[in-house]
Amino acid sequence: MISFFLISSCKEKSDANLSVSQLKCNGLENTIGTEKVPEFSWINNSSERGQAQTAYQIIVSSSEHMASKNSGDIWDSGKNLVGASTWISYQGPELSSGKEYFWKVRVWDGNDNPSSWSKTAKFITGLFDGEDWDGAKWIGYEDIPDSLFWYRGFTGMEIISERLRKREL
């Protein structure tokens, strides 16, 4: 019984009438291949009519573990007195190419109460510079086997029938 009280007292309590869901980076959930400056969006939810976001705080972490500790070791926006919840630009240090990052957000309601932190979302940055592509192999039209070609006006069965007629199969 005592352990229950210890655990529940350690859990972060929120008096806010808002919660956050549907975290998106560049308009997508768990985006792969973001630009150098990703943009964050989320949906605010409230059971109380007329409630609105008055501020937000975004953290970006290098690992899911750091994010679970609500630590923005890459970037912490701090409390921003802004009601916007869409297309909020990342303003931290330059992000590395082709790397996975984790982020969370919390918001403040009209009574200046912070919500709980959102669930952790992630994004992976794209390859920003030409040297990031060194050693990459381009897939060309000539590398596609005939069996994967799509012939305009033919269905798959017509292609097979045509090849059978020509004794290609």
N, C-alpha and C. Protein backbone atom coordinates (compact mmCIF):
# COMPACT_ATOMS: atom_id res chain seq x y z
N MET A 1 0.81 -1.19 0.00
CA MET A 1 0.00 0.00 0.00
C MET A 1 0.86 1.26 0.00
N ILE A 2 1.95 1.24 0.75
CA ILE A 2 2.84 2.39 0.83
C ILE A 2 3.48 2.65 -0.53
N SER A 3 3.86 1.58 -1.24
CA SER A 3 4.49 1.76 -2.55
C SER A 3 3.54 2.43 -3.53
N PHE A 4 2.24 2.16 -3.43
CA PHE A 4 1.26 2.82 -4.30
C PHE A 4 1.29 4.33 -4.09
N PHE A 5 1.32 4.77 -2.83
CA PHE A 5 1.34 6.19 -2.53
C PHE A 5 2.64 6.83 -2.99
N LEU A 6 3.75 6.13 -2.85
CA LEU A 6 5.03 6.66 -3.30
C LEU A 6 5.04 6.83 -4.81
N ILE A 7 4.54 5.84 -5.52
CA ILE A 7 4.51 5.91 -6.98
C ILE A 7 3.57 7.01 -7.44
N SER A 8 2.39 7.07 -6.86
CA SER A 8 1.42 8.08 -7.31
C SER A 8 1.87 9.49 -6.95
N SER A 9 2.64 9.65 -5.88
CA SER A 9 3.11 10.98 -5.53
C SER A 9 4.24 11.44 -6.44
N CYS A 10 4.94 10.51 -7.08
CA CYS A 10 6.02 10.85 -8.00
C CYS A 10 5.49 11.22 -9.39
N LYS A 11 4.29 10.79 -9.69
CA LYS A 11 3.72 11.06 -11.00
C LYS A 11 3.37 12.54 -11.11
N GLU A 12 3.71 13.14 -12.26
CA GLU A 12 3.45 14.55 -12.47
C GLU A 12 1.94 14.80 -12.57
N LYS A 13 1.45 15.69 -11.75
CA LYS A 13 0.03 16.02 -11.73
C LYS A 13 -0.20 17.28 -12.54
N SER A 14 -1.28 17.31 -13.29
CA SER A 14 -1.61 18.48 -14.08
C SER A 14 -3.00 18.97 -13.71
N ASP A 15 -3.10 20.29 -13.49
CA ASP A 15 -4.39 20.90 -13.22
C ASP A 15 -4.98 21.50 -14.49
N ALA A 16 -4.27 21.38 -15.59
CA ALA A 16 -4.72 21.99 -16.84
C ALA A 16 -5.97 21.31 -17.36
N ASN A 17 -6.77 22.08 -18.04
CA ASN A 17 -7.95 21.55 -18.70
C ASN A 17 -7.66 21.21 -20.15
N LEU A 18 -6.39 21.13 -20.50
CA LEU A 18 -5.97 20.78 -21.86
C LEU A 18 -5.07 19.56 -21.84
N SER A 19 -5.13 18.81 -22.91
CA SER A 19 -4.16 17.74 -23.15
C SER A 19 -3.77 17.84 -24.62
N VAL A 20 -2.69 17.17 -24.97
CA VAL A 20 -2.12 17.28 -26.31
C VAL A 20 -2.15 15.92 -26.99
N SER A 21 -2.49 15.88 -28.27
CA SER A 21 -2.47 14.63 -29.04
C SER A 21 -2.08 14.94 -30.49
N GLN A 22 -1.96 13.90 -31.28
CA GLN A 22 -1.67 13.97 -32.72
C GLN A 22 -0.45 14.84 -33.03
N LEU A 23 0.67 14.51 -32.42
CA LEU A 23 1.90 15.25 -32.68
C LEU A 23 2.37 15.00 -34.10
N LYS A 24 2.68 16.08 -34.80
CA LYS A 24 3.14 15.97 -36.19
C LYS A 24 4.36 16.83 -36.40
N CYS A 25 5.26 16.32 -37.22
CA CYS A 25 6.45 17.05 -37.62
C CYS A 25 6.37 17.20 -39.14
N ASN A 26 6.41 18.42 -39.61
CA ASN A 26 6.24 18.71 -41.04
C ASN A 26 4.95 18.11 -41.58
N GLY A 27 3.91 18.12 -40.76
CA GLY A 27 2.60 17.68 -41.18
C GLY A 27 2.36 16.18 -41.14
N LEU A 28 3.34 15.40 -40.70
CA LEU A 28 3.22 13.94 -40.66
C LEU A 28 3.60 13.40 -39.28
N GLU A 29 3.04 12.27 -38.92
CA GLU A 29 3.43 11.62 -37.67
C GLU A 29 4.70 10.82 -37.89
N ASN A 30 5.65 10.94 -36.97
CA ASN A 30 6.92 10.22 -37.01
C ASN A 30 7.58 10.32 -38.39
N THR A 31 7.79 11.53 -38.81
CA THR A 31 8.31 11.87 -40.14
C THR A 31 9.71 11.31 -40.37
N ILE A 32 9.93 10.86 -41.58
CA ILE A 32 11.27 10.42 -42.01
C ILE A 32 11.72 11.36 -43.12
N GLY A 33 12.90 11.95 -42.98
CA GLY A 33 13.46 12.81 -44.01
C GLY A 33 13.06 14.26 -43.89
N THR A 34 13.12 14.82 -42.67
CA THR A 34 12.76 16.23 -42.50
C THR A 34 13.83 17.14 -43.06
N GLU A 35 13.47 18.39 -43.16
CA GLU A 35 14.42 19.42 -43.58
C GLU A 35 15.30 19.79 -42.38
N LYS A 36 16.23 20.73 -42.61
CA LYS A 36 17.12 21.15 -41.52
C LYS A 36 16.36 21.82 -40.38
N VAL A 37 15.23 22.46 -40.70
CA VAL A 37 14.42 23.14 -39.69
C VAL A 37 13.02 22.54 -39.72
N PRO A 38 12.79 21.49 -38.93
CA PRO A 38 11.46 20.89 -38.91
C PRO A 38 10.44 21.82 -38.26
N GLU A 39 9.17 21.55 -38.54
CA GLU A 39 8.09 22.34 -37.97
C GLU A 39 7.12 21.41 -37.26
N PHE A 40 6.71 21.80 -36.06
CA PHE A 40 5.90 20.95 -35.19
C PHE A 40 4.46 21.43 -35.12
N SER A 41 3.53 20.46 -35.00
CA SER A 41 2.11 20.76 -34.84
C SER A 41 1.50 19.73 -33.90
N TRP A 42 0.40 20.10 -33.27
CA TRP A 42 -0.32 19.18 -32.38
C TRP A 42 -1.76 19.64 -32.27
N ILE A 43 -2.58 18.77 -31.68
CA ILE A 43 -3.99 19.07 -31.45
C ILE A 43 -4.19 19.21 -29.94
N ASN A 44 -4.88 20.26 -29.55
CA ASN A 44 -5.24 20.45 -28.14
C ASN A 44 -6.63 19.87 -27.90
N ASN A 45 -6.78 19.17 -26.79
CA ASN A 45 -8.06 18.57 -26.41
C ASN A 45 -8.47 19.09 -25.04
N SER A 46 -9.76 19.32 -24.88
CA SER A 46 -10.25 19.76 -23.58
C SER A 46 -11.68 19.28 -23.40
N SER A 47 -11.99 18.90 -22.17
CA SER A 47 -13.37 18.53 -21.86
C SER A 47 -14.17 19.76 -21.45
N GLU A 48 -13.47 20.86 -21.27
CA GLU A 48 -14.11 22.12 -20.85
C GLU A 48 -14.33 23.01 -22.07
N ARG A 49 -15.53 23.43 -22.26
CA ARG A 49 -15.90 24.27 -23.40
C ARG A 49 -15.17 25.62 -23.34
N GLY A 50 -14.67 26.08 -24.50
CA GLY A 50 -14.04 27.38 -24.60
C GLY A 50 -12.61 27.46 -24.11
N GLN A 51 -12.03 26.35 -23.73
CA GLN A 51 -10.66 26.35 -23.23
C GLN A 51 -9.69 26.52 -24.41
N ALA A 52 -8.62 27.27 -24.21
CA ALA A 52 -7.66 27.52 -25.28
C ALA A 52 -6.23 27.47 -24.75
N GLN A 53 -5.33 27.13 -25.63
CA GLN A 53 -3.91 27.14 -25.31
C GLN A 53 -3.43 28.58 -25.23
N THR A 54 -2.65 28.89 -24.19
CA THR A 54 -2.08 30.24 -24.07
C THR A 54 -0.55 30.22 -24.20
N ALA A 55 0.04 29.04 -24.08
CA ALA A 55 1.50 28.92 -24.18
C ALA A 55 1.84 27.46 -24.51
N TYR A 56 3.08 27.24 -24.96
CA TYR A 56 3.55 25.89 -25.22
C TYR A 56 5.03 25.77 -24.86
N GLN A 57 5.48 24.54 -24.71
CA GLN A 57 6.90 24.24 -24.52
C GLN A 57 7.18 22.96 -25.29
N ILE A 58 8.19 23.00 -26.14
CA ILE A 58 8.61 21.83 -26.93
C ILE A 58 10.00 21.43 -26.47
N ILE A 59 10.23 20.13 -26.34
CA ILE A 59 11.58 19.64 -26.11
C ILE A 59 11.94 18.67 -27.23
N VAL A 60 13.20 18.70 -27.64
CA VAL A 60 13.74 17.75 -28.62
C VAL A 60 14.91 17.06 -27.95
N SER A 61 14.90 15.72 -28.00
CA SER A 61 15.90 14.92 -27.30
C SER A 61 16.65 14.01 -28.26
N SER A 62 17.83 13.61 -27.85
CA SER A 62 18.66 12.73 -28.67
C SER A 62 18.27 11.27 -28.54
N SER A 63 17.50 10.93 -27.50
CA SER A 63 17.10 9.54 -27.31
C SER A 63 15.70 9.48 -26.70
N GLU A 64 15.06 8.36 -26.87
CA GLU A 64 13.75 8.17 -26.28
C GLU A 64 13.84 8.20 -24.75
N HIS A 65 14.95 7.70 -24.23
CA HIS A 65 15.18 7.71 -22.78
C HIS A 65 15.21 9.14 -22.24
N MET A 66 15.94 10.01 -22.92
CA MET A 66 16.02 11.41 -22.48
C MET A 66 14.64 12.07 -22.56
N ALA A 67 13.90 11.78 -23.63
CA ALA A 67 12.56 12.35 -23.77
C ALA A 67 11.64 11.86 -22.66
N SER A 68 11.79 10.58 -22.27
CA SER A 68 10.93 10.04 -21.20
C SER A 68 11.19 10.75 -19.87
N LYS A 69 12.37 11.34 -19.73
CA LYS A 69 12.71 12.11 -18.52
C LYS A 69 12.35 13.58 -18.68
N ASN A 70 11.65 13.91 -19.79
CA ASN A 70 11.26 15.29 -20.10
C ASN A 70 12.48 16.20 -20.19
N SER A 71 13.55 15.65 -20.74
CA SER A 71 14.79 16.40 -20.89
C SER A 71 15.03 16.71 -22.36
N GLY A 72 15.06 17.99 -22.68
CA GLY A 72 15.36 18.41 -24.03
C GLY A 72 16.85 18.65 -24.18
N ASP A 73 17.63 17.57 -24.27
CA ASP A 73 19.08 17.73 -24.34
C ASP A 73 19.54 18.32 -25.67
N ILE A 74 18.70 18.31 -26.69
CA ILE A 74 19.02 18.95 -27.95
C ILE A 74 18.45 20.38 -27.95
N TRP A 75 17.16 20.50 -27.59
CA TRP A 75 16.52 21.82 -27.59
C TRP A 75 15.36 21.83 -26.61
N ASP A 76 15.25 22.90 -25.89
CA ASP A 76 14.10 23.16 -25.02
C ASP A 76 13.63 24.56 -25.35
N SER A 77 12.44 24.66 -25.90
CA SER A 77 11.93 25.97 -26.32
C SER A 77 11.64 26.88 -25.14
N GLY A 78 11.49 26.30 -23.95
CA GLY A 78 11.04 27.08 -22.83
C GLY A 78 9.57 27.42 -23.03
N LYS A 79 8.98 28.09 -22.07
CA LYS A 79 7.57 28.45 -22.17
C LYS A 79 7.43 29.63 -23.13
N ASN A 80 6.67 29.41 -24.20
CA ASN A 80 6.40 30.45 -25.19
C ASN A 80 4.95 30.89 -25.06
N LEU A 81 4.74 32.15 -24.82
CA LEU A 81 3.39 32.68 -24.63
C LEU A 81 2.73 32.89 -26.00
N VAL A 82 2.40 31.78 -26.62
CA VAL A 82 1.82 31.78 -27.96
C VAL A 82 0.68 30.78 -27.99
N GLY A 83 -0.41 31.15 -28.60
CA GLY A 83 -1.56 30.26 -28.70
C GLY A 83 -1.51 29.34 -29.91
N ALA A 84 -0.52 29.51 -30.78
CA ALA A 84 -0.42 28.69 -32.00
C ALA A 84 -0.01 27.26 -31.66
N SER A 85 -0.55 26.32 -32.41
CA SER A 85 -0.18 24.91 -32.22
C SER A 85 0.12 24.24 -33.56
N THR A 86 0.34 25.03 -34.60
CA THR A 86 0.66 24.46 -35.90
C THR A 86 1.88 25.16 -36.50
N TRP A 87 2.70 24.37 -37.16
CA TRP A 87 3.87 24.85 -37.91
C TRP A 87 4.78 25.71 -37.05
N ILE A 88 5.09 25.21 -35.86
CA ILE A 88 6.03 25.88 -34.96
C ILE A 88 7.44 25.45 -35.36
N SER A 89 8.27 26.39 -35.78
CA SER A 89 9.61 26.07 -36.28
C SER A 89 10.58 25.71 -35.16
N TYR A 90 11.39 24.70 -35.42
CA TYR A 90 12.50 24.32 -34.54
C TYR A 90 13.48 25.48 -34.51
N GLN A 91 13.97 25.84 -33.33
CA GLN A 91 14.89 26.97 -33.21
C GLN A 91 16.14 26.63 -32.41
N GLY A 92 16.47 25.34 -32.35
CA GLY A 92 17.64 24.92 -31.60
C GLY A 92 18.89 24.86 -32.46
N PRO A 93 19.94 24.22 -31.96
CA PRO A 93 21.18 24.08 -32.73
C PRO A 93 20.95 23.24 -33.98
N GLU A 94 21.84 23.38 -34.94
CA GLU A 94 21.71 22.66 -36.21
C GLU A 94 21.63 21.16 -35.97
N LEU A 95 20.66 20.53 -36.61
CA LEU A 95 20.45 19.09 -36.46
C LEU A 95 21.38 18.33 -37.40
N SER A 96 21.74 17.11 -37.00
CA SER A 96 22.60 16.27 -37.82
C SER A 96 21.80 15.60 -38.92
N SER A 97 22.47 15.31 -39.99
CA SER A 97 21.86 14.66 -41.15
C SER A 97 21.58 13.19 -40.86
N GLY A 98 20.40 12.71 -41.27
CA GLY A 98 20.07 11.29 -41.16
C GLY A 98 20.03 10.76 -39.74
N LYS A 99 19.59 11.57 -38.79
CA LYS A 99 19.58 11.16 -37.38
C LYS A 99 18.15 11.16 -36.84
N GLU A 100 17.90 10.26 -35.90
CA GLU A 100 16.59 10.15 -35.26
C GLU A 100 16.56 11.05 -34.02
N TYR A 101 15.48 11.81 -33.90
CA TYR A 101 15.27 12.69 -32.74
C TYR A 101 13.89 12.39 -32.15
N PHE A 102 13.73 12.73 -30.88
CA PHE A 102 12.48 12.49 -30.16
C PHE A 102 11.99 13.82 -29.60
N TRP A 103 10.68 14.03 -29.63
CA TRP A 103 10.15 15.31 -29.15
C TRP A 103 8.82 15.15 -28.43
N LYS A 104 8.55 16.13 -27.57
CA LYS A 104 7.32 16.19 -26.78
C LYS A 104 6.91 17.65 -26.67
N VAL A 105 5.66 17.83 -26.28
CA VAL A 105 5.16 19.19 -26.07
C VAL A 105 4.21 19.19 -24.88
N ARG A 106 4.13 20.31 -24.22
CA ARG A 106 3.08 20.55 -23.23
C ARG A 106 2.57 21.95 -23.47
N VAL A 107 1.34 22.19 -23.02
CA VAL A 107 0.71 23.49 -23.25
C VAL A 107 0.13 24.01 -21.94
N TRP A 108 -0.17 25.30 -21.93
CA TRP A 108 -0.79 25.94 -20.79
C TRP A 108 -2.20 26.37 -21.17
N ASP A 109 -3.12 26.23 -20.24
CA ASP A 109 -4.51 26.61 -20.50
C ASP A 109 -4.76 28.07 -20.13
N GLY A 110 -6.00 28.50 -20.24
CA GLY A 110 -6.37 29.88 -19.95
C GLY A 110 -6.16 30.30 -18.50
N ASN A 111 -6.03 29.33 -17.60
CA ASN A 111 -5.77 29.62 -16.19
C ASN A 111 -4.29 29.51 -15.85
N ASP A 112 -3.44 29.43 -16.88
CA ASP A 112 -1.98 29.29 -16.76
C ASP A 112 -1.56 28.01 -16.07
N ASN A 113 -2.36 26.94 -16.25
CA ASN A 113 -2.01 25.62 -15.73
C ASN A 113 -1.37 24.81 -16.85
N PRO A 114 -0.20 24.20 -16.60
CA PRO A 114 0.43 23.38 -17.64
C PRO A 114 -0.25 22.02 -17.77
N SER A 115 -0.32 21.52 -18.99
CA SER A 115 -0.83 20.16 -19.21
C SER A 115 0.28 19.18 -18.85
N SER A 116 -0.05 17.92 -18.86
CA SER A 116 0.98 16.90 -18.77
C SER A 116 1.74 16.90 -20.09
N TRP A 117 2.95 16.36 -20.07
CA TRP A 117 3.70 16.24 -21.32
C TRP A 117 2.97 15.27 -22.25
N SER A 118 3.06 15.53 -23.52
CA SER A 118 2.47 14.63 -24.52
C SER A 118 3.24 13.32 -24.54
N LYS A 119 2.72 12.37 -25.29
CA LYS A 119 3.49 11.17 -25.58
C LYS A 119 4.69 11.59 -26.42
N THR A 120 5.70 10.75 -26.47
CA THR A 120 6.89 11.05 -27.26
C THR A 120 6.65 10.72 -28.72
N ALA A 121 7.03 11.64 -29.58
CA ALA A 121 6.99 11.42 -31.03
C ALA A 121 8.44 11.46 -31.53
N LYS A 122 8.64 11.08 -32.77
CA LYS A 122 10.01 11.12 -33.30
C LYS A 122 10.01 11.63 -34.73
N PHE A 123 11.18 12.03 -35.17
CA PHE A 123 11.39 12.37 -36.56
C PHE A 123 12.83 12.02 -36.92
N ILE A 124 13.05 11.77 -38.19
CA ILE A 124 14.40 11.46 -38.69
C ILE A 124 14.73 12.52 -39.73
N THR A 125 15.86 13.15 -39.55
CA THR A 125 16.27 14.18 -40.50
C THR A 125 16.68 13.55 -41.82
N GLY A 126 16.55 14.34 -42.87
CA GLY A 126 16.95 13.89 -44.21
C GLY A 126 18.45 14.00 -44.39
N LEU A 127 18.88 13.71 -45.60
CA LEU A 127 20.28 13.87 -45.96
C LEU A 127 20.42 15.26 -46.56
N PHE A 128 21.13 16.15 -45.87
CA PHE A 128 21.14 17.56 -46.20
C PHE A 128 22.16 17.94 -47.28
N ASP A 129 23.32 17.32 -47.29
CA ASP A 129 24.41 17.74 -48.16
C ASP A 129 24.77 16.66 -49.17
N GLY A 130 25.43 17.07 -50.25
CA GLY A 130 25.84 16.14 -51.30
C GLY A 130 26.70 15.00 -50.78
N GLU A 131 27.61 15.30 -49.85
CA GLU A 131 28.50 14.24 -49.33
C GLU A 131 27.73 13.20 -48.52
N ASP A 132 26.53 13.55 -48.03
CA ASP A 132 25.70 12.58 -47.33
C ASP A 132 25.26 11.46 -48.27
N TRP A 133 25.28 11.75 -49.56
CA TRP A 133 24.82 10.78 -50.56
C TRP A 133 25.97 9.96 -51.14
N ASP A 134 27.23 10.20 -50.70
CA ASP A 134 28.38 9.45 -51.22
C ASP A 134 28.15 7.96 -51.03
N GLY A 135 28.40 7.20 -52.06
CA GLY A 135 28.23 5.75 -52.00
C GLY A 135 26.81 5.29 -52.28
N ALA A 136 25.89 6.23 -52.45
CA ALA A 136 24.51 5.84 -52.74
C ALA A 136 24.41 5.34 -54.18
N LYS A 137 23.59 4.35 -54.39
CA LYS A 137 23.40 3.79 -55.73
C LYS A 137 22.02 4.20 -56.22
N TRP A 138 21.98 4.84 -57.36
CA TRP A 138 20.71 5.24 -57.95
C TRP A 138 20.07 4.06 -58.63
N ILE A 139 18.78 3.95 -58.49
CA ILE A 139 18.04 2.87 -59.14
C ILE A 139 17.53 3.44 -60.45
N GLY A 140 17.92 2.82 -61.55
CA GLY A 140 17.53 3.32 -62.86
C GLY A 140 16.47 2.46 -63.51
N TYR A 141 15.88 3.03 -64.52
CA TYR A 141 14.83 2.35 -65.28
C TYR A 141 15.34 1.03 -65.84
N GLU A 142 16.58 1.02 -66.27
CA GLU A 142 17.13 -0.20 -66.87
C GLU A 142 17.34 -1.32 -65.85
N ASP A 143 17.31 -1.01 -64.57
CA ASP A 143 17.49 -2.01 -63.52
C ASP A 143 16.19 -2.69 -63.12
N ILE A 144 15.06 -2.24 -63.65
CA ILE A 144 13.77 -2.81 -63.28
C ILE A 144 13.49 -4.03 -64.16
N PRO A 145 13.22 -5.19 -63.54
CA PRO A 145 12.94 -6.38 -64.35
C PRO A 145 11.64 -6.22 -65.13
N ASP A 146 11.57 -6.87 -66.28
CA ASP A 146 10.38 -6.78 -67.13
C ASP A 146 9.11 -7.15 -66.39
N SER A 147 9.21 -8.05 -65.43
CA SER A 147 8.01 -8.49 -64.72
C SER A 147 7.37 -7.38 -63.90
N LEU A 148 8.11 -6.29 -63.64
CA LEU A 148 7.57 -5.19 -62.86
C LEU A 148 7.09 -4.01 -63.71
N PHE A 149 7.29 -4.09 -65.03
CA PHE A 149 6.82 -3.02 -65.91
C PHE A 149 5.31 -3.01 -65.95
N TRP A 150 4.76 -1.84 -66.05
CA TRP A 150 3.32 -1.68 -66.22
C TRP A 150 3.10 -1.13 -67.61
N TYR A 151 2.35 -1.87 -68.40
CA TYR A 151 2.07 -1.44 -69.76
C TYR A 151 0.74 -0.71 -69.79
N ARG A 152 0.74 0.48 -70.32
CA ARG A 152 -0.47 1.29 -70.38
C ARG A 152 -1.56 0.55 -71.14
N GLY A 153 -2.73 0.48 -70.54
CA GLY A 153 -3.87 -0.13 -71.19
C GLY A 153 -3.98 -1.63 -70.97
N PHE A 154 -3.02 -2.23 -70.29
CA PHE A 154 -3.07 -3.66 -70.03
C PHE A 154 -3.29 -3.90 -68.55
N THR A 155 -4.08 -4.89 -68.21
CA THR A 155 -4.18 -5.34 -66.83
C THR A 155 -3.13 -6.40 -66.63
N GLY A 156 -2.92 -6.80 -65.41
CA GLY A 156 -1.92 -7.84 -65.13
C GLY A 156 -2.19 -9.13 -65.88
N MET A 157 -3.45 -9.55 -65.97
CA MET A 157 -3.78 -10.80 -66.67
C MET A 157 -3.52 -10.67 -68.16
N GLU A 158 -3.76 -9.50 -68.73
CA GLU A 158 -3.50 -9.31 -70.16
C GLU A 158 -2.01 -9.40 -70.45
N ILE A 159 -1.17 -8.90 -69.53
CA ILE A 159 0.28 -9.00 -69.71
C ILE A 159 0.71 -10.46 -69.68
N ILE A 160 0.20 -11.22 -68.71
CA ILE A 160 0.54 -12.64 -68.62
C ILE A 160 0.05 -13.38 -69.86
N SER A 161 -1.18 -13.10 -70.27
CA SER A 161 -1.73 -13.76 -71.47
C SER A 161 -0.89 -13.44 -72.69
N GLU A 162 -0.48 -12.17 -72.82
CA GLU A 162 0.34 -11.76 -73.97
C GLU A 162 1.68 -12.48 -73.96
N ARG A 163 2.29 -12.60 -72.77
CA ARG A 163 3.58 -13.30 -72.68
C ARG A 163 3.41 -14.79 -72.96
N LEU A 164 2.32 -15.40 -72.48
CA LEU A 164 2.07 -16.81 -72.79
C LEU A 164 1.92 -17.01 -74.29
N ARG A 165 1.20 -16.09 -74.93
CA ARG A 165 1.00 -16.17 -76.37
C ARG A 165 2.34 -16.11 -77.09
N LYS A 166 3.25 -15.30 -76.58
CA LYS A 166 4.57 -15.15 -77.19
C LYS A 166 5.56 -16.18 -76.66
N ARG A 167 5.10 -17.05 -75.75
CA ARG A 167 5.93 -18.08 -75.14
C ARG A 167 7.11 -17.50 -74.34
N GLU A 168 6.86 -16.38 -73.67
CA GLU A 168 7.88 -15.76 -72.85
C GLU A 168 7.89 -16.31 -71.44
N LEU A 169 6.83 -16.99 -71.02
CA LEU A 169 6.78 -17.51 -69.66
C LEU A 169 7.12 -18.98 -69.62
